[in-house]
Amino acid sequence: MRVQVWDRRRVVVRGSAWCSFTVGRLGLAVAAVLMVKSTLGLGAWDAVVIGSSGRLPVGAGAASALLAVVFVLAAWALGIRPTVGTITASGIFSAAFGALLPLIPLAPTPIAGAGYYLAALALCGLATACYLSAECGRSAYDAFVTALARRTRQSPTHWRAGLELAACGTAWAVGGPMGIGTVICTLAIAPSIAWGLRVWPRCTRLLASVPRRRLGRRLVHLRKADAESIPILVMTAR
């Protein structure tokens, strides 16, 4: 009879990684809701989701899930199979987005709306770094962009720019809430993520001082498609 021995350290590491993955996806959902409630407009794909939910008999969470399914199927058709992380990422974001949308109030003034938007951009950068550093899988949209880049041998940045423009046109067609915030998001989202990737190692160093057990650190370089080879500090148990 074969006896399976569990490596406690490996279980702890993978559990920590999935916690980081979940927290990052929840943070991205909060950022998306803050953009919606700012009344300044929101990211192109979020505008597509909100506009589609107004035209279809589904809520915003369900519309987000349907869009994720489209991306998953398209990426699969281009050669990237969905993973547990891909399905989980879409499920966490869609459920949190739909649940938080009626709970967070609208910004009462334009100044408050600007505060909402700045907080959303900062949170988006940190949450993206948190979710990517876990290395538990890519979201449906990231998988689709990666599949297009691999199939055409073009830069993922070019495909992202093209898809954002296509999303703007789609959002306008379905009546999504576009505005000055849409332009701000398009221009500022990449610098925000780059800032989050730079700040995230400091956050992990602060968290490392909290646990009692000694933790080692190792630098992990993300793939170009994810974060243009920016190193991220990931906590691993010795």
Protein backbone atom coordinates (compact mmCIF):
# COMPACT_ATOMS: atom_id res chain seq x y z
CA MET A 1 0.00 0.00 0.00
CA ARG A 2 1.39 3.39 -1.02
CA VAL A 3 1.38 6.00 1.70
CA GLN A 4 1.28 9.62 0.53
CA VAL A 5 3.35 11.97 2.66
CA TRP A 6 2.21 15.57 2.74
CA ASP A 7 4.89 18.24 2.63
CA ARG A 8 3.63 20.74 5.17
CA ARG A 9 5.85 23.51 3.86
CA ARG A 10 4.55 23.08 0.32
CA VAL A 11 0.96 23.18 1.54
CA VAL A 12 1.65 26.40 3.45
CA VAL A 13 3.29 28.02 0.43
CA ARG A 14 0.48 27.10 -1.96
CA GLY A 15 -2.14 28.19 0.55
CA SER A 16 -0.42 31.56 0.93
CA ALA A 17 -0.24 31.90 -2.85
CA TRP A 18 -3.97 31.29 -3.28
CA CYS A 19 -4.72 33.77 -0.50
CA SER A 20 -2.65 36.37 -2.33
CA PHE A 21 -4.40 35.49 -5.58
CA THR A 22 -7.86 35.88 -4.00
CA VAL A 23 -7.03 39.16 -2.27
CA GLY A 24 -5.69 40.58 -5.54
CA ARG A 25 -8.80 39.65 -7.51
CA LEU A 26 -11.04 41.10 -4.79
CA GLY A 27 -9.01 44.31 -4.88
CA LEU A 28 -9.49 44.58 -8.63
CA ALA A 29 -13.25 44.19 -8.17
CA VAL A 30 -13.28 46.98 -5.57
CA ALA A 31 -11.28 49.20 -7.94
CA ALA A 32 -13.77 48.57 -10.76
CA VAL A 33 -16.73 49.43 -8.51
CA LEU A 34 -15.02 52.65 -7.36
CA MET A 35 -14.60 53.68 -10.99
CA VAL A 36 -18.28 53.05 -11.64
CA LYS A 37 -19.37 55.02 -8.57
CA SER A 38 -17.06 57.95 -9.35
CA THR A 39 -19.50 58.99 -12.15
CA LEU A 40 -16.48 60.12 -14.20
CA GLY A 41 -16.55 57.13 -16.51
CA LEU A 42 -14.69 53.87 -16.19
CA GLY A 43 -12.41 51.50 -17.99
CA ALA A 44 -13.48 50.44 -21.46
CA TRP A 45 -14.22 46.79 -20.63
CA ASP A 46 -16.04 47.72 -17.42
CA ALA A 47 -18.14 50.14 -19.50
CA VAL A 48 -18.95 47.24 -21.84
CA VAL A 49 -20.10 45.17 -18.85
CA ILE A 50 -22.32 47.91 -17.41
CA GLY A 51 -23.78 48.79 -20.80
CA SER A 52 -24.49 45.15 -21.61
CA SER A 53 -26.20 44.58 -18.25
CA GLY A 54 -28.58 47.43 -19.10
CA ARG A 55 -29.55 45.84 -22.40
CA LEU A 56 -29.67 42.21 -21.28
CA PRO A 57 -31.82 40.65 -18.54
CA VAL A 58 -28.77 40.01 -16.36
CA GLY A 59 -26.96 41.89 -13.62
CA ALA A 60 -23.49 43.41 -13.81
CA GLY A 61 -21.89 40.38 -12.16
CA ALA A 62 -23.48 37.99 -14.64
CA ALA A 63 -22.51 40.21 -17.57
CA SER A 64 -18.91 40.24 -16.33
CA ALA A 65 -18.95 36.44 -16.07
CA LEU A 66 -20.33 36.11 -19.62
CA LEU A 67 -17.59 38.35 -20.98
CA ALA A 68 -14.99 36.27 -19.13
CA VAL A 69 -16.42 33.10 -20.71
CA VAL A 70 -16.03 34.67 -24.15
CA PHE A 71 -12.37 35.47 -23.44
CA VAL A 72 -11.73 31.97 -22.06
CA LEU A 73 -13.22 30.29 -25.14
CA ALA A 74 -11.34 32.62 -27.49
CA ALA A 75 -8.03 31.95 -25.71
CA TRP A 76 -8.74 28.20 -25.78
CA ALA A 77 -9.40 28.36 -29.51
CA LEU A 78 -6.02 30.08 -29.94
CA GLY A 79 -4.17 27.40 -28.01
CA ILE A 80 -4.22 28.38 -24.32
CA ARG A 81 -6.36 26.07 -22.24
CA PRO A 82 -8.13 27.48 -19.21
CA THR A 83 -6.64 26.60 -15.84
CA VAL A 84 -8.09 26.51 -12.35
CA GLY A 85 -6.63 29.96 -11.83
CA THR A 86 -8.35 31.32 -14.94
CA ILE A 87 -11.77 30.08 -13.89
CA THR A 88 -11.25 31.12 -10.27
CA ALA A 89 -10.06 34.60 -11.23
CA SER A 90 -13.16 35.25 -13.31
CA GLY A 91 -15.47 33.84 -10.66
CA ILE A 92 -13.98 35.88 -7.81
CA PHE A 93 -14.05 39.13 -9.77
CA SER A 94 -17.58 38.66 -11.12
CA ALA A 95 -19.07 37.68 -7.77
CA ALA A 96 -17.34 40.50 -5.88
CA PHE A 97 -18.20 43.08 -8.54
CA GLY A 98 -21.88 42.18 -8.51
CA ALA A 99 -22.03 42.10 -4.70
CA LEU A 100 -20.20 45.39 -4.10
CA LEU A 101 -21.87 47.46 -6.81
CA PRO A 102 -25.05 48.22 -4.80
CA LEU A 103 -23.14 48.66 -1.52
CA ILE A 104 -20.70 51.45 -2.38
CA PRO A 105 -22.46 54.85 -2.67
CA LEU A 106 -22.10 57.24 -5.58
CA ALA A 107 -19.57 60.03 -5.24
CA PRO A 108 -21.55 63.10 -4.04
CA THR A 109 -19.28 65.67 -5.72
CA PRO A 110 -16.78 65.77 -8.61
CA ILE A 111 -13.96 66.14 -6.08
CA ALA A 112 -15.13 63.00 -4.31
CA GLY A 113 -15.38 61.29 -7.69
CA ALA A 114 -11.75 62.22 -8.42
CA GLY A 115 -10.80 60.74 -5.05
CA TYR A 116 -12.67 57.56 -5.94
CA TYR A 117 -10.76 57.36 -9.20
CA LEU A 118 -7.33 57.97 -7.69
CA ALA A 119 -8.01 55.32 -5.06
CA ALA A 120 -9.18 52.91 -7.76
CA LEU A 121 -6.04 53.41 -9.86
CA ALA A 122 -3.76 52.91 -6.85
CA LEU A 123 -5.71 49.85 -5.75
CA CYS A 124 -5.63 48.44 -9.27
CA GLY A 125 -1.83 48.61 -9.35
CA LEU A 126 -1.38 46.96 -5.96
CA ALA A 127 -4.08 44.35 -6.54
CA THR A 128 -2.61 43.39 -9.91
CA ALA A 129 0.83 42.91 -8.35
CA CYS A 130 -0.71 40.88 -5.52
CA TYR A 131 -2.62 38.60 -7.90
CA LEU A 132 0.20 38.10 -10.43
CA SER A 133 2.83 37.42 -7.76
CA ALA A 134 0.84 34.39 -6.59
CA GLU A 135 1.47 32.68 -9.97
CA CYS A 136 -1.78 30.73 -9.70
CA GLY A 137 -2.94 31.55 -13.21
CA ARG A 138 -3.99 34.42 -15.44
CA SER A 139 -7.35 36.05 -15.79
CA ALA A 140 -9.46 35.34 -18.88
CA TYR A 141 -8.52 38.67 -20.48
CA ASP A 142 -4.79 38.21 -19.81
CA ALA A 143 -4.94 34.69 -21.23
CA PHE A 144 -6.66 35.98 -24.39
CA VAL A 145 -4.06 38.72 -24.91
CA THR A 146 -1.24 36.22 -24.38
CA ALA A 147 -2.80 33.82 -26.89
CA LEU A 148 -3.08 36.55 -29.52
CA ALA A 149 0.52 37.62 -28.94
CA ARG A 150 1.83 34.06 -29.24
CA ARG A 151 -0.19 33.26 -32.34
CA THR A 152 0.77 36.46 -34.20
CA ARG A 153 4.24 36.92 -32.65
CA GLN A 154 3.36 40.52 -31.87
CA SER A 155 3.84 42.44 -28.65
CA PRO A 156 1.09 41.96 -26.04
CA THR A 157 1.17 45.73 -25.51
CA HIS A 158 0.04 46.30 -29.10
CA TRP A 159 -2.80 43.82 -28.73
CA ARG A 160 -3.91 45.39 -25.45
CA ALA A 161 -4.01 48.83 -27.08
CA GLY A 162 -6.05 47.51 -29.99
CA LEU A 163 -8.45 45.65 -27.74
CA GLU A 164 -8.94 48.74 -25.56
CA LEU A 165 -9.89 50.76 -28.64
CA ALA A 166 -12.29 48.03 -29.71
CA ALA A 167 -13.76 47.98 -26.22
CA CYS A 168 -14.30 51.76 -26.34
CA GLY A 169 -16.29 51.40 -29.54
CA THR A 170 -18.30 48.51 -28.10
CA ALA A 171 -19.00 50.41 -24.87
CA TRP A 172 -20.26 53.40 -26.84
CA ALA A 173 -22.49 51.13 -28.94
CA VAL A 174 -24.12 49.48 -25.91
CA GLY A 175 -24.47 52.71 -23.93
CA GLY A 176 -21.78 52.09 -21.34
CA PRO A 177 -20.90 54.91 -18.88
CA MET A 178 -17.95 56.51 -20.65
CA GLY A 179 -16.40 59.85 -19.77
CA ILE A 180 -13.19 61.61 -18.85
CA GLY A 181 -12.46 58.73 -16.51
CA THR A 182 -12.33 56.34 -19.47
CA VAL A 183 -9.52 58.41 -21.01
CA ILE A 184 -7.74 58.66 -17.65
CA CYS A 185 -7.97 54.91 -17.13
CA THR A 186 -6.65 54.15 -20.60
CA LEU A 187 -3.63 56.43 -20.10
CA ALA A 188 -2.93 55.74 -16.41
CA ILE A 189 -3.62 52.04 -15.96
CA ALA A 190 -0.19 50.89 -17.22
CA PRO A 191 1.80 53.34 -15.02
CA SER A 192 -0.42 52.36 -12.10
CA ILE A 193 0.38 48.67 -12.53
CA ALA A 194 4.09 49.44 -12.93
CA TRP A 195 3.96 51.44 -9.68
CA GLY A 196 2.17 48.59 -7.93
CA LEU A 197 4.82 46.12 -9.06
CA ARG A 198 7.54 48.39 -7.64
CA VAL A 199 5.75 48.93 -4.32
CA TRP A 200 4.63 45.35 -3.78
CA PRO A 201 8.06 44.07 -2.60
CA ARG A 202 8.01 46.64 0.19
CA CYS A 203 4.56 45.46 1.22
CA THR A 204 5.73 41.85 1.37
CA ARG A 205 8.73 42.86 3.46
CA LEU A 206 6.39 44.49 5.96
CA LEU A 207 4.20 41.41 6.02
CA ALA A 208 7.26 39.22 6.52
CA SER A 209 7.88 40.82 9.91
CA VAL A 210 4.44 39.80 11.17
CA PRO A 211 4.59 35.96 11.11
CA ARG A 212 6.60 34.22 13.80
CA ARG A 213 8.10 31.66 11.50
CA ARG A 214 11.11 32.67 9.50
CA LEU A 215 10.33 33.12 5.84
CA GLY A 216 12.74 33.21 2.96
CA ARG A 217 12.42 35.44 -0.05
CA ARG A 218 13.11 34.88 -3.66
CA LEU A 219 12.78 37.14 -6.67
CA VAL A 220 10.49 35.93 -9.39
CA HIS A 221 10.54 37.52 -12.82
CA LEU A 222 7.15 37.67 -14.46
CA ARG A 223 6.76 36.90 -18.12
CA LYS A 224 6.75 39.79 -20.57
CA ALA A 225 3.07 39.26 -21.28
CA ASP A 226 2.23 39.84 -17.65
CA ALA A 227 4.43 42.64 -16.42
CA GLU A 228 7.29 43.22 -18.86
CA SER A 229 9.76 41.19 -16.78
CA ILE A 230 9.48 43.37 -13.65
CA PRO A 231 10.74 41.39 -10.61
CA ILE A 232 8.25 40.73 -7.85
CA LEU A 233 9.06 39.61 -4.34
CA VAL A 234 7.24 36.42 -3.45
CA MET A 235 7.21 34.91 0.02
CA THR A 236 8.26 31.27 0.25
CA ALA A 237 8.79 29.12 3.32
CA ARG A 238 12.24 27.69 4.00
